[in-house]
C-alpha atoms as a PDB file:
ATOM      1  CA  MET A   1       7.653   4.690  13.514  1.00  0.00           C
ATOM      2  CA  ARG A   2      10.703   6.474  14.906  1.00  0.00           C
ATOM      3  CA  LYS A   3      11.224   3.731  17.516  1.00  0.00           C
ATOM      4  CA  ALA A   4      11.030   1.033  14.834  1.00  0.00           C
ATOM      5  CA  PHE A   5      13.677   2.844  12.780  1.00  0.00           C
ATOM      6  CA  VAL A   6      15.991   3.132  15.804  1.00  0.00           C
ATOM      7  CA  VAL A   7      15.540  -0.590  16.570  1.00  0.00           C
ATOM      8  CA  PHE A   8      16.317  -1.414  12.922  1.00  0.00           C
ATOM      9  CA  CYS A   9      19.485   0.720  13.058  1.00  0.00           C
ATOM     10  CA  MET A  10      20.635  -1.022  16.234  1.00  0.00           C
ATOM     11  CA  ILE A  11      20.085  -4.475  14.690  1.00  0.00           C
ATOM     12  CA  VAL A  12      22.029  -3.538  11.556  1.00  0.00           C
ATOM     13  CA  LEU A  13      24.895  -2.047  13.565  1.00  0.00           C
ATOM     14  CA  SER A  14      25.110  -4.993  15.948  1.00  0.00           C
ATOM     15  CA  SER A  15      25.164  -7.467  13.046  1.00  0.00           C
ATOM     16  CA  THR A  16      27.971  -5.453  11.466  1.00  0.00           C
ATOM     17  CA  ILE A  17      29.978  -5.537  14.669  1.00  0.00           C
ATOM     18  CA  HIS A  18      29.507  -9.299  14.939  1.00  0.00           C
ATOM     19  CA  SER A  19      30.568  -9.849  11.351  1.00  0.00           C
ATOM     20  CA  GLN A  20      34.189  -9.060  12.282  1.00  0.00           C
ATOM     21  CA  THR A  21      34.553  -6.733   9.301  1.00  0.00           C
ATOM     22  CA  ILE A  22      34.114  -3.467  11.107  1.00  0.00           C
ATOM     23  CA  PHE A  23      37.259  -1.358  11.522  1.00  0.00           C
ATOM     24  CA  GLN A  24      39.465  -4.075   9.963  1.00  0.00           C
ATOM     25  CA  THR A  25      39.733  -2.781   6.419  1.00  0.00           C
ATOM     26  CA  LYS A  26      42.056   0.145   5.867  1.00  0.00           C
ATOM     27  CA  ASP A  27      39.949   1.730   3.133  1.00  0.00           C
ATOM     28  CA  VAL A  28      36.812   2.038   5.296  1.00  0.00           C
ATOM     29  CA  TRP A  29      38.054   5.307   6.763  1.00  0.00           C
ATOM     30  CA  LYS A  30      39.068   6.850   3.447  1.00  0.00           C
ATOM     31  CA  PHE A  31      36.823   9.441   1.875  1.00  0.00           C
ATOM     32  CA  ASN A  32      33.810   8.036   0.100  1.00  0.00           C
ATOM     33  CA  LYS A  33      34.906   8.691  -3.477  1.00  0.00           C
ATOM     34  CA  ALA A  34      31.509   8.497  -5.132  1.00  0.00           C
ATOM     35  CA  VAL A  35      28.697  10.654  -6.386  1.00  0.00           C
ATOM     36  CA  GLU A  36      25.275   9.556  -5.175  1.00  0.00           C
ATOM     37  CA  PHE A  37      21.893  10.900  -6.232  1.00  0.00           C
ATOM     38  CA  GLY A  38      18.696   9.705  -4.605  1.00  0.00           C
ATOM     39  CA  PHE A  39      14.957  10.199  -4.279  1.00  0.00           C
ATOM     40  CA  GLN A  40      13.088  10.104  -0.996  1.00  0.00           C
ATOM     41  CA  GLY A  41       9.613  10.236   0.436  1.00  0.00           C
ATOM     42  CA  THR A  42       9.713  12.615   3.393  1.00  0.00           C
ATOM     43  CA  GLN A  43       7.332  13.436   6.196  1.00  0.00           C
ATOM     44  CA  ILE A  44       7.820  17.156   6.757  1.00  0.00           C
ATOM     45  CA  GLY A  45       6.884  18.207  10.272  1.00  0.00           C
ATOM     46  CA  ARG A  46       5.661  16.265  13.284  1.00  0.00           C
ATOM     47  CA  SER A  47       2.266  16.288  14.955  1.00  0.00           C
ATOM     48  CA  SER A  48       3.876  18.331  17.758  1.00  0.00           C
ATOM     49  CA  ASP A  49       4.639  21.023  15.135  1.00  0.00           C
ATOM     50  CA  GLY A  50       0.963  21.157  14.202  1.00  0.00           C
ATOM     51  CA  PHE A  51       2.089  20.116  10.722  1.00  0.00           C
ATOM     52  CA  SER A  52       2.716  16.622   9.408  1.00  0.00           C
ATOM     53  CA  GLU A  53       2.530  15.897   5.692  1.00  0.00           C
ATOM     54  CA  TRP A  54       4.359  13.667   3.202  1.00  0.00           C
ATOM     55  CA  GLY A  55       6.341  15.204   0.381  1.00  0.00           C
ATOM     56  CA  MET A  56       9.189  14.153  -1.840  1.00  0.00           C
ATOM     57  CA  GLY A  57      12.792  15.125  -2.136  1.00  0.00           C
ATOM     58  CA  ILE A  58      16.200  14.657  -3.655  1.00  0.00           C
ATOM     59  CA  ASP A  59      19.590  14.146  -2.069  1.00  0.00           C
ATOM     60  CA  PHE A  60      23.125  14.416  -3.353  1.00  0.00           C
ATOM     61  CA  THR A  61      26.400  13.102  -1.927  1.00  0.00           C
ATOM     62  CA  CYS A  62      29.861  13.774  -3.346  1.00  0.00           C
ATOM     63  CA  TYR A  63      33.096  12.722  -1.618  1.00  0.00           C
ATOM     64  CA  GLY A  64      31.140  12.257   1.614  1.00  0.00           C
ATOM     65  CA  VAL A  65      29.513  15.711   1.672  1.00  0.00           C
ATOM     66  CA  TYR A  66      25.724  15.321   1.841  1.00  0.00           C
ATOM     67  CA  LEU A  67      22.886  17.701   0.839  1.00  0.00           C
ATOM     68  CA  ASP A  68      19.136  17.106   0.600  1.00  0.00           C
ATOM     69  CA  TYR A  69      16.051  19.121  -0.243  1.00  0.00           C
ATOM     70  CA  SER A  70      12.491  17.920   0.334  1.00  0.00           C
ATOM     71  CA  PHE A  71       9.297  19.720  -0.525  1.00  0.00           C
ATOM     72  CA  LEU A  72       5.520  19.536  -0.380  1.00  0.00           C
ATOM     73  CA  ILE A  73       3.637  21.696  -2.872  1.00  0.00           C
ATOM     74  CA  ASN A  74       0.093  22.836  -2.249  1.00  0.00           C
ATOM     75  CA  THR A  75      -2.126  20.412  -4.124  1.00  0.00           C
ATOM     76  CA  HIS A  76      -4.500  22.999  -5.604  1.00  0.00           C
ATOM     77  CA  GLU A  77      -1.931  25.528  -6.825  1.00  0.00           C
ATOM     78  CA  ASN A  78      -2.753  24.853 -10.499  1.00  0.00           C
ATOM     79  CA  ASP A  79      -6.346  23.659 -10.087  1.00  0.00           C
ATOM     80  CA  VAL A  80      -8.638  25.104 -12.794  1.00  0.00           C
ATOM     81  CA  ARG A  81     -11.781  24.867 -10.665  1.00  0.00           C
ATOM     82  CA  VAL A  82     -13.041  28.014  -8.931  1.00  0.00           C
ATOM     83  CA  ASP A  83     -13.195  27.194  -5.230  1.00  0.00           C
ATOM     84  CA  LYS A  84     -11.313  27.575  -1.947  1.00  0.00           C
ATOM     85  CA  TRP A  85      -9.334  24.681  -0.477  1.00  0.00           C
ATOM     86  CA  ASP A  86      -7.576  24.054   2.832  1.00  0.00           C
ATOM     87  CA  ASP A  87      -4.042  23.370   1.703  1.00  0.00           C
ATOM     88  CA  LYS A  88      -0.491  22.816   2.938  1.00  0.00           C
ATOM     89  CA  ARG A  89       3.034  23.419   1.682  1.00  0.00           C
ATOM     90  CA  GLY A  90       6.466  22.905   3.172  1.00  0.00           C
ATOM     91  CA  TRP A  91      10.145  22.254   2.586  1.00  0.00           C
ATOM     92  CA  SER A  92      13.271  21.063   4.368  1.00  0.00           C
ATOM     93  CA  PHE A  93      16.987  21.304   3.689  1.00  0.00           C
ATOM     94  CA  HIS A  94      19.816  19.337   5.353  1.00  0.00           C
ATOM     95  CA  ALA A  95      23.591  19.108   5.073  1.00  0.00           C
ATOM     96  CA  GLY A  96      26.032  16.660   6.625  1.00  0.00           C
ATOM     97  CA  TYR A  97      29.041  14.433   6.170  1.00  0.00           C
ATOM     98  CA  GLN A  98      29.189  10.634   5.920  1.00  0.00           C
ATOM     99  CA  ILE A  99      30.812   8.540   8.631  1.00  0.00           C
ATOM    100  CA  PRO A 100      31.629   5.062   7.298  1.00  0.00           C
ATOM    101  CA  ILE A 101      30.849   2.169   9.646  1.00  0.00           C
ATOM    102  CA  SER A 102      31.732  -0.557   7.133  1.00  0.00           C
ATOM    103  CA  LYS A 103      32.023  -0.689   3.349  1.00  0.00           C
ATOM    104  CA  ALA A 104      28.274  -1.156   3.070  1.00  0.00           C
ATOM    105  CA  ILE A 105      26.979   1.011   5.952  1.00  0.00           C
ATOM    106  CA  ARG A 106      27.372   4.736   6.571  1.00  0.00           C
ATOM    107  CA  ILE A 107      25.776   7.172   8.996  1.00  0.00           C
ATOM    108  CA  ILE A 108      25.283  10.826   8.076  1.00  0.00           C
ATOM    109  CA  PRO A 109      24.814  13.260  10.979  1.00  0.00           C
ATOM    110  CA  GLN A 110      22.964  16.245   9.565  1.00  0.00           C
ATOM    111  CA  ILE A 111      21.726  19.706  10.400  1.00  0.00           C
ATOM    112  CA  GLY A 112      19.245  21.785   8.492  1.00  0.00           C
ATOM    113  CA  TYR A 113      16.090  23.847   8.437  1.00  0.00           C
ATOM    114  CA  VAL A 114      12.432  22.912   8.011  1.00  0.00           C
ATOM    115  CA  SER A 115       9.368  25.047   7.274  1.00  0.00           C
ATOM    116  CA  GLY A 116       5.663  24.385   6.730  1.00  0.00           C
ATOM    117  CA  ASP A 117       2.456  26.364   6.113  1.00  0.00           C
ATOM    118  CA  TYR A 118      -1.248  25.645   6.501  1.00  0.00           C
ATOM    119  CA  GLY A 119      -3.525  27.915   4.571  1.00  0.00           C
ATOM    120  CA  VAL A 120      -6.170  28.405   1.947  1.00  0.00           C
ATOM    121  CA  THR A 121      -5.661  28.130  -1.797  1.00  0.00           C
ATOM    122  CA  ASP A 122      -8.115  30.530  -3.433  1.00  0.00           C
ATOM    123  CA  GLY A 123      -9.337  29.561  -6.912  1.00  0.00           C
ATOM    124  CA  TRP A 124     -11.064  32.950  -7.218  1.00  0.00           C
ATOM    125  CA  ASN A 125      -7.704  34.744  -6.935  1.00  0.00           C
ATOM    126  CA  TRP A 126      -5.504  33.458  -9.745  1.00  0.00           C
ATOM    127  CA  THR A 127      -2.938  34.597 -12.280  1.00  0.00           C
ATOM    128  CA  VAL A 128      -1.900  33.186 -15.630  1.00  0.00           C
ATOM    129  CA  THR A 129       1.766  32.258 -16.108  1.00  0.00           C
ATOM    130  CA  ASN A 130       3.744  30.346 -18.733  1.00  0.00           C
ATOM    131  CA  ASN A 131       2.860  27.191 -16.754  1.00  0.00           C
ATOM    132  CA  GLY A 132      -0.889  27.870 -16.795  1.00  0.00           C
ATOM    133  CA  ILE A 133      -3.163  29.019 -13.999  1.00  0.00           C
ATOM    134  CA  ARG A 134      -1.609  29.689 -10.582  1.00  0.00           C
ATOM    135  CA  ASN A 135      -3.987  30.067  -7.639  1.00  0.00           C
ATOM    136  CA  HIS A 136      -3.077  32.308  -4.715  1.00  0.00           C
ATOM    137  CA  PHE A 137      -2.088  30.577  -1.433  1.00  0.00           C
ATOM    138  CA  ASP A 138      -2.816  32.501   1.781  1.00  0.00           C
ATOM    139  CA  SER A 139      -0.905  31.138   4.784  1.00  0.00           C
ATOM    140  CA  LYS A 140      -2.977  30.987   7.987  1.00  0.00           C
ATOM    141  CA  ASP A 141      -0.536  29.133  10.268  1.00  0.00           C
ATOM    142  CA  SER A 142       3.112  28.210   9.842  1.00  0.00           C
ATOM    143  CA  PHE A 143       6.097  26.751  11.597  1.00  0.00           C
ATOM    144  CA  SER A 144       9.821  26.817  10.883  1.00  0.00           C
ATOM    145  CA  SER A 145      12.713  25.481  12.865  1.00  0.00           C
ATOM    146  CA  PHE A 146      16.352  24.478  12.961  1.00  0.00           C
ATOM    147  CA  ASP A 147      16.546  20.724  12.354  1.00  0.00           C
ATOM    148  CA  TYR A 148      19.070  18.020  13.271  1.00  0.00           C
ATOM    149  CA  GLY A 149      19.274  14.249  13.034  1.00  0.00           C
ATOM    150  CA  ALA A 150      20.908  11.415  11.134  1.00  0.00           C
ATOM    151  CA  LYS A 151      20.571   9.287   8.034  1.00  0.00           C
ATOM    152  CA  LEU A 152      21.504   5.608   7.763  1.00  0.00           C
ATOM    153  CA  VAL A 153      22.828   4.594   4.317  1.00  0.00           C
ATOM    154  CA  ILE A 154      23.126   0.930   3.296  1.00  0.00           C
ATOM    155  CA  ASN A 155      24.772  -0.321   0.083  1.00  0.00           C
ATOM    156  CA  PRO A 156      23.142  -3.733  -0.569  1.00  0.00           C
ATOM    157  CA  ALA A 157      24.654  -3.904  -4.088  1.00  0.00           C
ATOM    158  CA  LYS A 158      27.130  -2.021  -6.235  1.00  0.00           C
ATOM    159  CA  TYR A 159      25.746   1.325  -7.486  1.00  0.00           C
ATOM    160  CA  PHE A 160      22.598   1.032  -5.337  1.00  0.00           C
ATOM    161  CA  VAL A 161      21.893   2.538  -1.882  1.00  0.00           C
ATOM    162  CA  LEU A 162      18.947   2.452   0.501  1.00  0.00           C
ATOM    163  CA  PHE A 163      18.557   5.042   3.221  1.00  0.00           C
ATOM    164  CA  GLY A 164      16.392   6.131   6.103  1.00  0.00           C
ATOM    165  CA  GLN A 165      16.435   9.534   7.758  1.00  0.00           C
ATOM    166  CA  VAL A 166      15.170  10.650  11.158  1.00  0.00           C
ATOM    167  CA  THR A 167      15.510  14.223  12.354  1.00  0.00           C
ATOM    168  CA  ALA A 168      13.733  16.351  14.931  1.00  0.00           C
ATOM    169  CA  HIS A 169      11.106  17.443  12.371  1.00  0.00           C
ATOM    170  CA  THR A 170      11.327  15.001   9.429  1.00  0.00           C
ATOM    171  CA  PHE A 171      11.284  11.311   8.642  1.00  0.00           C
ATOM    172  CA  GLY A 172      12.257   9.926   5.257  1.00  0.00           C
ATOM    173  CA  ILE A 173      13.081   6.770   3.341  1.00  0.00           C
ATOM    174  CA  GLY A 174      14.460   6.417  -0.148  1.00  0.00           C
ATOM    175  CA  LEU A 175      16.822   4.902  -2.646  1.00  0.00           C
ATOM    176  CA  GLY A 176      19.741   6.196  -4.615  1.00  0.00           C
ATOM    177  CA  PHE A 177      22.330   5.369  -7.215  1.00  0.00           C
ATOM    178  CA  GLU A 178      26.037   5.707  -6.505  1.00  0.00           C
ATOM    179  CA  TRP A 179      28.777   6.113  -9.090  1.00  0.00           C
ATOM    180  CA  PRO A 180      32.302   5.353  -7.770  1.00  0.00           C
ATOM    181  CA  MET A 181      35.048   7.807  -8.659  1.00  0.00           C
ATOM    182  CA  TYR A 182      38.380   5.988  -8.652  1.00  0.00           C
ATOM    183  CA  GLN A 183      41.759   7.698  -8.805  1.00  0.00           C
END
């Protein structure tokens, strides 16, 4: 999957170079004056980490500064049945800055942190909160690591962005909405 994403990025970049629009518009290198908010499906962890599960996340970009947070909650945290389940949870956080390639394509180098846990959710050990029953999660194995990579952002239409992210420990795809902020 990672190789397919890299091949896709190379095709998009080469078509941009051939379109004769790259580096010819003066406003390409100005700050991206927009606020963007997006949703993404994210694979947290790799098989080499001993942890690889899909979660969901949000990202936010303002004036080119990029932040994202992805998470995977344990699926039986609020289960009312009395049992024990093998379960997983994890999260990742990244920050970066957009580098415009053309008006419609940007690359975001990013650094961050990723963490994941395998464990047992115990339906016999629960507490009651304002949100209902909360089962205890006991972590048996975990990983956490510094993370780095890049995100490719494509604007196919005004106010709409598509993106794909590949880092050392995550993979994600998603869509977002961008609101221009003109002076």
